[in-house]
């Protein structure tokens, strides 16, 4: 599981580090996000299928936040999505 924060867009990204599309994997991403963002709701999250060069075919969740803990890797751009 990879946790990133795009400071330019204020988007938190939690995604797989392997291929997979099981509902249980998406649930694990949401559970992980709740540890750092306890007020997060399912409606806040967008399920994302990545299409960029680096993570093509991977799934994750994304949501907006002005705050992000320091343990999230900072990225400057969002990956392309389907």
PDB file of N, CA and C in Angstrom:
ATOM      1  N   UNK A   1       0.849  -1.171   0.000  1.00  0.00           N
ATOM      2  CA  UNK A   1       0.000   0.000   0.000  1.00  0.00           C
ATOM      3  C   UNK A   1       0.895   1.236   0.000  1.00  0.00           C
ATOM      4  N   UNK A   2       0.579   2.144  -0.890  1.00  0.00           N
ATOM      5  CA  UNK A   2       1.369   3.363  -1.025  1.00  0.00           C
ATOM      6  C   UNK A   2       0.490   4.553  -0.668  1.00  0.00           C
ATOM      7  N   UNK A   3       1.018   5.444   0.171  1.00  0.00           N
ATOM      8  CA  UNK A   3       0.273   6.619   0.615  1.00  0.00           C
ATOM      9  C   UNK A   3       1.009   7.868   0.143  1.00  0.00           C
ATOM     10  N   UNK A   4       0.287   8.718  -0.624  1.00  0.00           N
ATOM     11  CA  UNK A   4       0.883   9.924  -1.192  1.00  0.00           C
ATOM     12  C   UNK A   4      -0.050  11.111  -0.974  1.00  0.00           C
ATOM     13  N   UNK A   5       0.532  12.294  -1.128  1.00  0.00           N
ATOM     14  CA  UNK A   5      -0.245  13.526  -1.033  1.00  0.00           C
ATOM     15  C   UNK A   5       0.220  14.472  -2.118  1.00  0.00           C
ATOM     16  N   UNK A   6      -0.699  14.889  -2.977  1.00  0.00           N
ATOM     17  CA  UNK A   6      -0.389  15.868  -4.020  1.00  0.00           C
ATOM     18  C   UNK A   6      -0.696  17.248  -3.454  1.00  0.00           C
ATOM     19  N   UNK A   7       0.348  17.965  -3.071  1.00  0.00           N
ATOM     20  CA  UNK A   7       0.178  19.276  -2.434  1.00  0.00           C
ATOM     21  C   UNK A   7      -0.436  20.301  -3.378  1.00  0.00           C
ATOM     22  N   UNK A   8      -0.161  20.188  -4.675  1.00  0.00           N
ATOM     23  CA  UNK A   8      -0.701  21.146  -5.641  1.00  0.00           C
ATOM     24  C   UNK A   8      -2.220  21.067  -5.734  1.00  0.00           C
ATOM     25  N   UNK A   9      -2.773  19.857  -5.631  1.00  0.00           N
ATOM     26  CA  UNK A   9      -4.215  19.646  -5.799  1.00  0.00           C
ATOM     27  C   UNK A   9      -4.932  19.379  -4.479  1.00  0.00           C
ATOM     28  N   UNK A  10      -4.175  19.235  -3.384  1.00  0.00           N
ATOM     29  CA  UNK A  10      -4.732  18.887  -2.067  1.00  0.00           C
ATOM     30  C   UNK A  10      -5.496  17.564  -2.137  1.00  0.00           C
ATOM     31  N   UNK A  11      -4.870  16.552  -2.772  1.00  0.00           N
ATOM     32  CA  UNK A  11      -5.479  15.244  -2.931  1.00  0.00           C
ATOM     33  C   UNK A  11      -4.629  14.203  -2.213  1.00  0.00           C
ATOM     34  N   UNK A  12      -5.289  13.402  -1.368  1.00  0.00           N
ATOM     35  CA  UNK A  12      -4.651  12.268  -0.709  1.00  0.00           C
ATOM     36  C   UNK A  12      -4.874  11.046  -1.589  1.00  0.00           C
ATOM     37  N   UNK A  13      -3.826  10.256  -1.750  1.00  0.00           N
ATOM     38  CA  UNK A  13      -3.855   9.076  -2.610  1.00  0.00           C
ATOM     39  C   UNK A  13      -3.422   7.879  -1.778  1.00  0.00           C
ATOM     40  N   UNK A  14      -4.239   6.841  -1.782  1.00  0.00           N
ATOM     41  CA  UNK A  14      -3.851   5.571  -1.166  1.00  0.00           C
ATOM     42  C   UNK A  14      -4.100   4.524  -2.241  1.00  0.00           C
ATOM     43  N   UNK A  15      -3.029   3.844  -2.650  1.00  0.00           N
ATOM     44  CA  UNK A  15      -3.149   2.939  -3.786  1.00  0.00           C
ATOM     45  C   UNK A  15      -2.346   1.667  -3.587  1.00  0.00           C
ATOM     46  N   UNK A  16      -2.636   0.727  -4.467  1.00  0.00           N
ATOM     47  CA  UNK A  16      -1.952  -0.562  -4.420  1.00  0.00           C
ATOM     48  C   UNK A  16      -0.522  -0.435  -4.924  1.00  0.00           C
ATOM     49  N   UNK A  17       0.315  -1.327  -4.455  1.00  0.00           N
ATOM     50  CA  UNK A  17       1.667  -1.418  -4.999  1.00  0.00           C
ATOM     51  C   UNK A  17       1.799  -2.672  -5.872  1.00  0.00           C
ATOM     52  N   UNK A  18       0.656  -3.316  -6.135  1.00  0.00           N
ATOM     53  CA  UNK A  18       0.582  -4.471  -7.030  1.00  0.00           C
ATOM     54  C   UNK A  18      -0.746  -4.410  -7.780  1.00  0.00           C
ATOM     55  N   UNK A  19      -0.874  -5.213  -8.818  1.00  0.00           N
ATOM     56  CA  UNK A  19      -2.143  -5.290  -9.527  1.00  0.00           C
ATOM     57  C   UNK A  19      -3.170  -5.964  -8.639  1.00  0.00           C
ATOM     58  N   UNK A  20      -4.413  -5.573  -8.791  1.00  0.00           N
ATOM     59  CA  UNK A  20      -5.511  -6.187  -8.048  1.00  0.00           C
ATOM     60  C   UNK A  20      -6.723  -5.291  -8.096  1.00  0.00           C
ATOM     61  N   UNK A  21      -7.895  -5.900  -8.037  1.00  0.00           N
ATOM     62  CA  UNK A  21      -9.119  -5.113  -8.114  1.00  0.00           C
ATOM     63  C   UNK A  21     -10.202  -5.632  -7.177  1.00  0.00           C
ATOM     64  N   UNK A  22      -9.823  -6.346  -6.136  1.00  0.00           N
ATOM     65  CA  UNK A  22     -10.786  -6.888  -5.206  1.00  0.00           C
ATOM     66  C   UNK A  22     -11.402  -5.783  -4.353  1.00  0.00           C
ATOM     67  N   UNK A  23     -12.661  -5.945  -4.036  1.00  0.00           N
ATOM     68  CA  UNK A  23     -13.350  -5.006  -3.170  1.00  0.00           C
ATOM     69  C   UNK A  23     -12.679  -4.945  -1.801  1.00  0.00           C
ATOM     70  N   UNK A  24     -12.168  -6.063  -1.327  1.00  0.00           N
ATOM     71  CA  UNK A  24     -11.490  -6.094  -0.024  1.00  0.00           C
ATOM     72  C   UNK A  24     -10.254  -5.201  -0.021  1.00  0.00           C
ATOM     73  N   UNK A  25      -9.587  -5.075  -1.155  1.00  0.00           N
ATOM     74  CA  UNK A  25      -8.416  -4.206  -1.244  1.00  0.00           C
ATOM     75  C   UNK A  25      -8.842  -2.741  -1.090  1.00  0.00           C
ATOM     76  N   UNK A  26      -9.925  -2.357  -1.758  1.00  0.00           N
ATOM     77  CA  UNK A  26     -10.420  -0.992  -1.628  1.00  0.00           C
ATOM     78  C   UNK A  26     -10.874  -0.709  -0.203  1.00  0.00           C
ATOM     79  N   UNK A  27     -11.473  -1.691   0.430  1.00  0.00           N
ATOM     80  CA  UNK A  27     -11.890  -1.548   1.830  1.00  0.00           C
ATOM     81  C   UNK A  27     -10.664  -1.349   2.730  1.00  0.00           C
ATOM     82  N   UNK A  28      -9.571  -2.048   2.432  1.00  0.00           N
ATOM     83  CA  UNK A  28      -8.336  -1.890   3.207  1.00  0.00           C
ATOM     84  C   UNK A  28      -7.774  -0.477   3.046  1.00  0.00           C
ATOM     85  N   UNK A  29      -7.861   0.087   1.846  1.00  0.00           N
ATOM     86  CA  UNK A  29      -7.403   1.463   1.630  1.00  0.00           C
ATOM     87  C   UNK A  29      -8.221   2.433   2.475  1.00  0.00           C
ATOM     88  N   UNK A  30      -9.532   2.228   2.487  1.00  0.00           N
ATOM     89  CA  UNK A  30     -10.416   3.108   3.262  1.00  0.00           C
ATOM     90  C   UNK A  30     -10.131   2.975   4.759  1.00  0.00           C
ATOM     91  N   UNK A  31      -9.943   1.765   5.234  1.00  0.00           N
ATOM     92  CA  UNK A  31      -9.633   1.538   6.654  1.00  0.00           C
ATOM     93  C   UNK A  31      -8.323   2.214   7.030  1.00  0.00           C
ATOM     94  N   UNK A  32      -7.332   2.124   6.161  1.00  0.00           N
ATOM     95  CA  UNK A  32      -6.042   2.788   6.396  1.00  0.00           C
ATOM     96  C   UNK A  32      -6.223   4.300   6.452  1.00  0.00           C
ATOM     97  N   UNK A  33      -7.009   4.841   5.540  1.00  0.00           N
ATOM     98  CA  UNK A  33      -7.250   6.285   5.502  1.00  0.00           C
ATOM     99  C   UNK A  33      -7.934   6.765   6.781  1.00  0.00           C
ATOM    100  N   UNK A  34      -8.837   5.958   7.320  1.00  0.00           N
ATOM    101  CA  UNK A  34      -9.552   6.342   8.538  1.00  0.00           C
ATOM    102  C   UNK A  34      -8.621   6.526   9.733  1.00  0.00           C
ATOM    103  N   UNK A  35      -7.514   5.821   9.748  1.00  0.00           N
ATOM    104  CA  UNK A  35      -6.550   5.968  10.843  1.00  0.00           C
ATOM    105  C   UNK A  35      -5.972   7.382  10.881  1.00  0.00           C
ATOM    106  N   UNK A  36      -5.748   7.962   9.715  1.00  0.00           N
ATOM    107  CA  UNK A  36      -5.165   9.302   9.633  1.00  0.00           C
ATOM    108  C   UNK A  36      -6.208  10.402   9.442  1.00  0.00           C
ATOM    109  N   UNK A  37      -7.382  10.035   8.958  1.00  0.00           N
ATOM    110  CA  UNK A  37      -8.461  10.990   8.677  1.00  0.00           C
ATOM    111  C   UNK A  37      -9.763  10.446   9.266  1.00  0.00           C
ATOM    112  N   UNK A  38      -9.935  10.521  10.592  1.00  0.00           N
ATOM    113  CA  UNK A  38     -11.071   9.865  11.252  1.00  0.00           C
ATOM    114  C   UNK A  38     -12.447  10.392  10.838  1.00  0.00           C
ATOM    115  N   UNK A  39     -12.536  11.578  10.273  1.00  0.00           N
ATOM    116  CA  UNK A  39     -13.826  12.128   9.842  1.00  0.00           C
ATOM    117  C   UNK A  39     -14.152  11.809   8.384  1.00  0.00           C
ATOM    118  N   UNK A  40     -13.307  11.049   7.734  1.00  0.00           N
ATOM    119  CA  UNK A  40     -13.502  10.692   6.338  1.00  0.00           C
ATOM    120  C   UNK A  40     -14.721   9.787   6.182  1.00  0.00           C
ATOM    121  N   UNK A  41     -15.527  10.053   5.175  1.00  0.00           N
ATOM    122  CA  UNK A  41     -16.660   9.179   4.876  1.00  0.00           C
ATOM    123  C   UNK A  41     -16.413   8.474   3.547  1.00  0.00           C
ATOM    124  N   UNK A  42     -17.147   7.412   3.309  1.00  0.00           N
ATOM    125  CA  UNK A  42     -17.032   6.696   2.038  1.00  0.00           C
ATOM    126  C   UNK A  42     -17.382   7.612   0.869  1.00  0.00           C
ATOM    127  N   UNK A  43     -18.331   8.513   1.094  1.00  0.00           N
ATOM    128  CA  UNK A  43     -18.756   9.426   0.041  1.00  0.00           C
ATOM    129  C   UNK A  43     -17.661  10.422  -0.341  1.00  0.00           C
ATOM    130  N   UNK A  44     -16.698  10.649   0.556  1.00  0.00           N
ATOM    131  CA  UNK A  44     -15.574  11.548   0.276  1.00  0.00           C
ATOM    132  C   UNK A  44     -14.560  10.921  -0.681  1.00  0.00           C
ATOM    133  N   UNK A  45     -14.569   9.599  -0.774  1.00  0.00           N
ATOM    134  CA  UNK A  45     -13.535   8.864  -1.512  1.00  0.00           C
ATOM    135  C   UNK A  45     -13.966   8.549  -2.936  1.00  0.00           C
ATOM    136  N   UNK A  46     -12.994   8.636  -3.823  1.00  0.00           N
ATOM    137  CA  UNK A  46     -13.201   8.276  -5.217  1.00  0.00           C
ATOM    138  C   UNK A  46     -12.331   7.057  -5.515  1.00  0.00           C
ATOM    139  N   UNK A  47     -12.932   6.008  -6.064  1.00  0.00           N
ATOM    140  CA  UNK A  47     -12.165   4.839  -6.498  1.00  0.00           C
ATOM    141  C   UNK A  47     -11.520   5.193  -7.832  1.00  0.00           C
ATOM    142  N   UNK A  48     -10.225   4.939  -7.926  1.00  0.00           N
ATOM    143  CA  UNK A  48      -9.458   5.371  -9.096  1.00  0.00           C
ATOM    144  C   UNK A  48      -8.749   4.173  -9.729  1.00  0.00           C
ATOM    145  N   UNK A  49      -8.832   4.105 -11.062  1.00  0.00           N
ATOM    146  CA  UNK A  49      -8.092   3.117 -11.847  1.00  0.00           C
ATOM    147  C   UNK A  49      -7.022   3.900 -12.605  1.00  0.00           C
ATOM    148  N   UNK A  50      -5.772   3.661 -12.286  1.00  0.00           N
ATOM    149  CA  UNK A  50      -4.681   4.453 -12.843  1.00  0.00           C
ATOM    150  C   UNK A  50      -4.319   4.003 -14.256  1.00  0.00           C
ATOM    151  N   UNK A  51      -3.973   4.985 -15.096  1.00  0.00           N
ATOM    152  CA  UNK A  51      -3.676   4.708 -16.499  1.00  0.00           C
ATOM    153  C   UNK A  51      -2.336   5.291 -16.941  1.00  0.00           C
ATOM    154  N   UNK A  52      -1.616   5.905 -16.018  1.00  0.00           N
ATOM    155  CA  UNK A  52      -0.334   6.524 -16.369  1.00  0.00           C
ATOM    156  C   UNK A  52       0.763   5.504 -16.572  1.00  0.00           C
ATOM    157  N   UNK A  53       1.909   5.980 -16.942  1.00  0.00           N
ATOM    158  CA  UNK A  53       3.048   5.104 -17.241  1.00  0.00           C
ATOM    159  C   UNK A  53       3.506   4.298 -16.033  1.00  0.00           C
ATOM    160  N   UNK A  54       3.536   4.921 -14.871  1.00  0.00           N
ATOM    161  CA  UNK A  54       4.111   4.261 -13.692  1.00  0.00           C
ATOM    162  C   UNK A  54       3.173   3.255 -13.039  1.00  0.00           C
ATOM    163  N   UNK A  55       1.879   3.533 -13.016  1.00  0.00           N
ATOM    164  CA  UNK A  55       0.947   2.708 -12.236  1.00  0.00           C
ATOM    165  C   UNK A  55      -0.232   2.220 -13.063  1.00  0.00           C
ATOM    166  N   UNK A  56      -0.044   2.039 -14.346  1.00  0.00           N
ATOM    167  CA  UNK A  56      -1.127   1.614 -15.238  1.00  0.00           C
ATOM    168  C   UNK A  56      -1.716   0.287 -14.756  1.00  0.00           C
ATOM    169  N   UNK A  57      -3.038   0.272 -14.595  1.00  0.00           N
ATOM    170  CA  UNK A  57      -3.727  -0.944 -14.184  1.00  0.00           C
ATOM    171  C   UNK A  57      -3.895  -1.092 -12.682  1.00  0.00           C
ATOM    172  N   UNK A  58      -3.297  -0.222 -11.885  1.00  0.00           N
ATOM    173  CA  UNK A  58      -3.424  -0.290 -10.435  1.00  0.00           C
ATOM    174  C   UNK A  58      -4.689   0.460 -10.002  1.00  0.00           C
ATOM    175  N   UNK A  59      -5.209   0.099  -8.837  1.00  0.00           N
ATOM    176  CA  UNK A  59      -6.373   0.773  -8.257  1.00  0.00           C
ATOM    177  C   UNK A  59      -5.989   1.477  -6.967  1.00  0.00           C
ATOM    178  N   UNK A  60      -6.803   2.449  -6.591  1.00  0.00           N
ATOM    179  CA  UNK A  60      -6.599   3.151  -5.331  1.00  0.00           C
ATOM    180  C   UNK A  60      -7.807   3.998  -5.004  1.00  0.00           C
ATOM    181  N   UNK A  61      -7.682   4.760  -3.939  1.00  0.00           N
ATOM    182  CA  UNK A  61      -8.706   5.741  -3.595  1.00  0.00           C
ATOM    183  C   UNK A  61      -8.036   7.107  -3.501  1.00  0.00           C
ATOM    184  N   UNK A  62      -8.809   8.141  -3.776  1.00  0.00           N
ATOM    185  CA  UNK A  62      -8.338   9.519  -3.645  1.00  0.00           C
ATOM    186  C   UNK A  62      -9.422  10.343  -2.981  1.00  0.00           C
ATOM    187  N   UNK A  63      -8.999  11.352  -2.210  1.00  0.00           N
ATOM    188  CA  UNK A  63      -9.945  12.277  -1.594  1.00  0.00           C
ATOM    189  C   UNK A  63      -9.232  13.585  -1.312  1.00  0.00           C
ATOM    190  N   UNK A  64     -10.023  14.647  -1.190  1.00  0.00           N
ATOM    191  CA  UNK A  64      -9.474  15.978  -0.946  1.00  0.00           C
ATOM    192  C   UNK A  64      -9.193  16.186   0.534  1.00  0.00           C
ATOM    193  N   UNK A  65      -8.102  16.894   0.820  1.00  0.00           N
ATOM    194  CA  UNK A  65      -7.773  17.272   2.192  1.00  0.00           C
ATOM    195  C   UNK A  65      -6.732  18.393   2.159  1.00  0.00           C
ATOM    196  N   UNK A  66      -6.943  19.397   2.952  1.00  0.00           N
ATOM    197  CA  UNK A  66      -5.963  20.489   3.065  1.00  0.00           C
ATOM    198  C   UNK A  66      -4.799  20.095   3.978  1.00  0.00           C
ATOM    199  N   UNK A  67      -5.016  19.035   4.771  1.00  0.00           N
ATOM    200  CA  UNK A  67      -4.025  18.553   5.732  1.00  0.00           C
ATOM    201  C   UNK A  67      -3.637  17.123   5.365  1.00  0.00           C
ATOM    202  N   UNK A  68      -2.387  16.790   5.599  1.00  0.00           N
ATOM    203  CA  UNK A  68      -1.944  15.409   5.413  1.00  0.00           C
ATOM    204  C   UNK A  68      -0.771  15.133   6.353  1.00  0.00           C
ATOM    205  N   UNK A  69      -0.787  13.983   7.033  1.00  0.00           N
ATOM    206  CA  UNK A  69       0.319  13.652   7.930  1.00  0.00           C
ATOM    207  C   UNK A  69       1.656  13.550   7.188  1.00  0.00           C
ATOM    208  N   UNK A  70       2.725  13.687   7.927  1.00  0.00           N
ATOM    209  CA  UNK A  70       4.073  13.679   7.353  1.00  0.00           C
ATOM    210  C   UNK A  70       4.489  12.327   6.767  1.00  0.00           C
ATOM    211  N   UNK A  71       3.807  11.236   7.157  1.00  0.00           N
ATOM    212  CA  UNK A  71       4.218   9.917   6.680  1.00  0.00           C
ATOM    213  C   UNK A  71       3.715   9.606   5.265  1.00  0.00           C
ATOM    214  N   UNK A  72       3.029  10.562   4.628  1.00  0.00           N
ATOM    215  CA  UNK A  72       2.603  10.404   3.240  1.00  0.00           C
ATOM    216  C   UNK A  72       3.668  11.025   2.342  1.00  0.00           C
ATOM    217  N   UNK A  73       4.052  10.294   1.305  1.00  0.00           N
ATOM    218  CA  UNK A  73       5.028  10.818   0.356  1.00  0.00           C
ATOM    219  C   UNK A  73       4.416  11.988  -0.407  1.00  0.00           C
ATOM    220  N   UNK A  74       5.152  13.054  -0.529  1.00  0.00           N
ATOM    221  CA  UNK A  74       4.682  14.223  -1.270  1.00  0.00           C
ATOM    222  C   UNK A  74       4.991  14.040  -2.738  1.00  0.00           C
ATOM    223  N   UNK A  75       3.967  14.272  -3.591  1.00  0.00           N
ATOM    224  CA  UNK A  75       4.136  14.211  -5.041  1.00  0.00           C
ATOM    225  C   UNK A  75       3.646  15.519  -5.635  1.00  0.00           C
ATOM    226  N   UNK A  76       4.188  15.894  -6.769  1.00  0.00           N
ATOM    227  CA  UNK A  76       3.828  17.187  -7.349  1.00  0.00           C
ATOM    228  C   UNK A  76       2.712  17.078  -8.386  1.00  0.00           C
ATOM    229  N   UNK A  77       2.469  15.884  -8.919  1.00  0.00           N
ATOM    230  CA  UNK A  77       1.444  15.710  -9.944  1.00  0.00           C
ATOM    231  C   UNK A  77       0.617  14.464  -9.660  1.00  0.00           C
ATOM    232  N   UNK A  78      -0.627  14.487 -10.127  1.00  0.00           N
ATOM    233  CA  UNK A  78      -1.485  13.316 -10.036  1.00  0.00           C
ATOM    234  C   UNK A  78      -1.222  12.409 -11.223  1.00  0.00           C
ATOM    235  N   UNK A  79      -1.322  11.117 -10.990  1.00  0.00           N
ATOM    236  CA  UNK A  79      -1.174  10.121 -12.051  1.00  0.00           C
ATOM    237  C   UNK A  79      -2.406  10.162 -12.961  1.00  0.00           C
ATOM    238  N   UNK A  80      -2.234   9.859 -14.241  1.00  0.00           N
ATOM    239  CA  UNK A  80      -3.371   9.770 -15.158  1.00  0.00           C
ATOM    240  C   UNK A  80      -4.304   8.645 -14.705  1.00  0.00           C
ATOM    241  N   UNK A  81      -5.604   8.859 -14.888  1.00  0.00           N
ATOM    242  CA  UNK A  81      -6.597   7.858 -14.492  1.00  0.00           C
ATOM    243  C   UNK A  81      -7.550   7.591 -15.648  1.00  0.00           C
ATOM    244  N   UNK A  82      -8.243   6.461 -15.536  1.00  0.00           N
ATOM    245  CA  UNK A  82      -9.283   6.134 -16.528  1.00  0.00           C
ATOM    246  C   UNK A  82     -10.582   6.762 -16.104  1.00  0.00           C
TER     247      UNK A  82
END
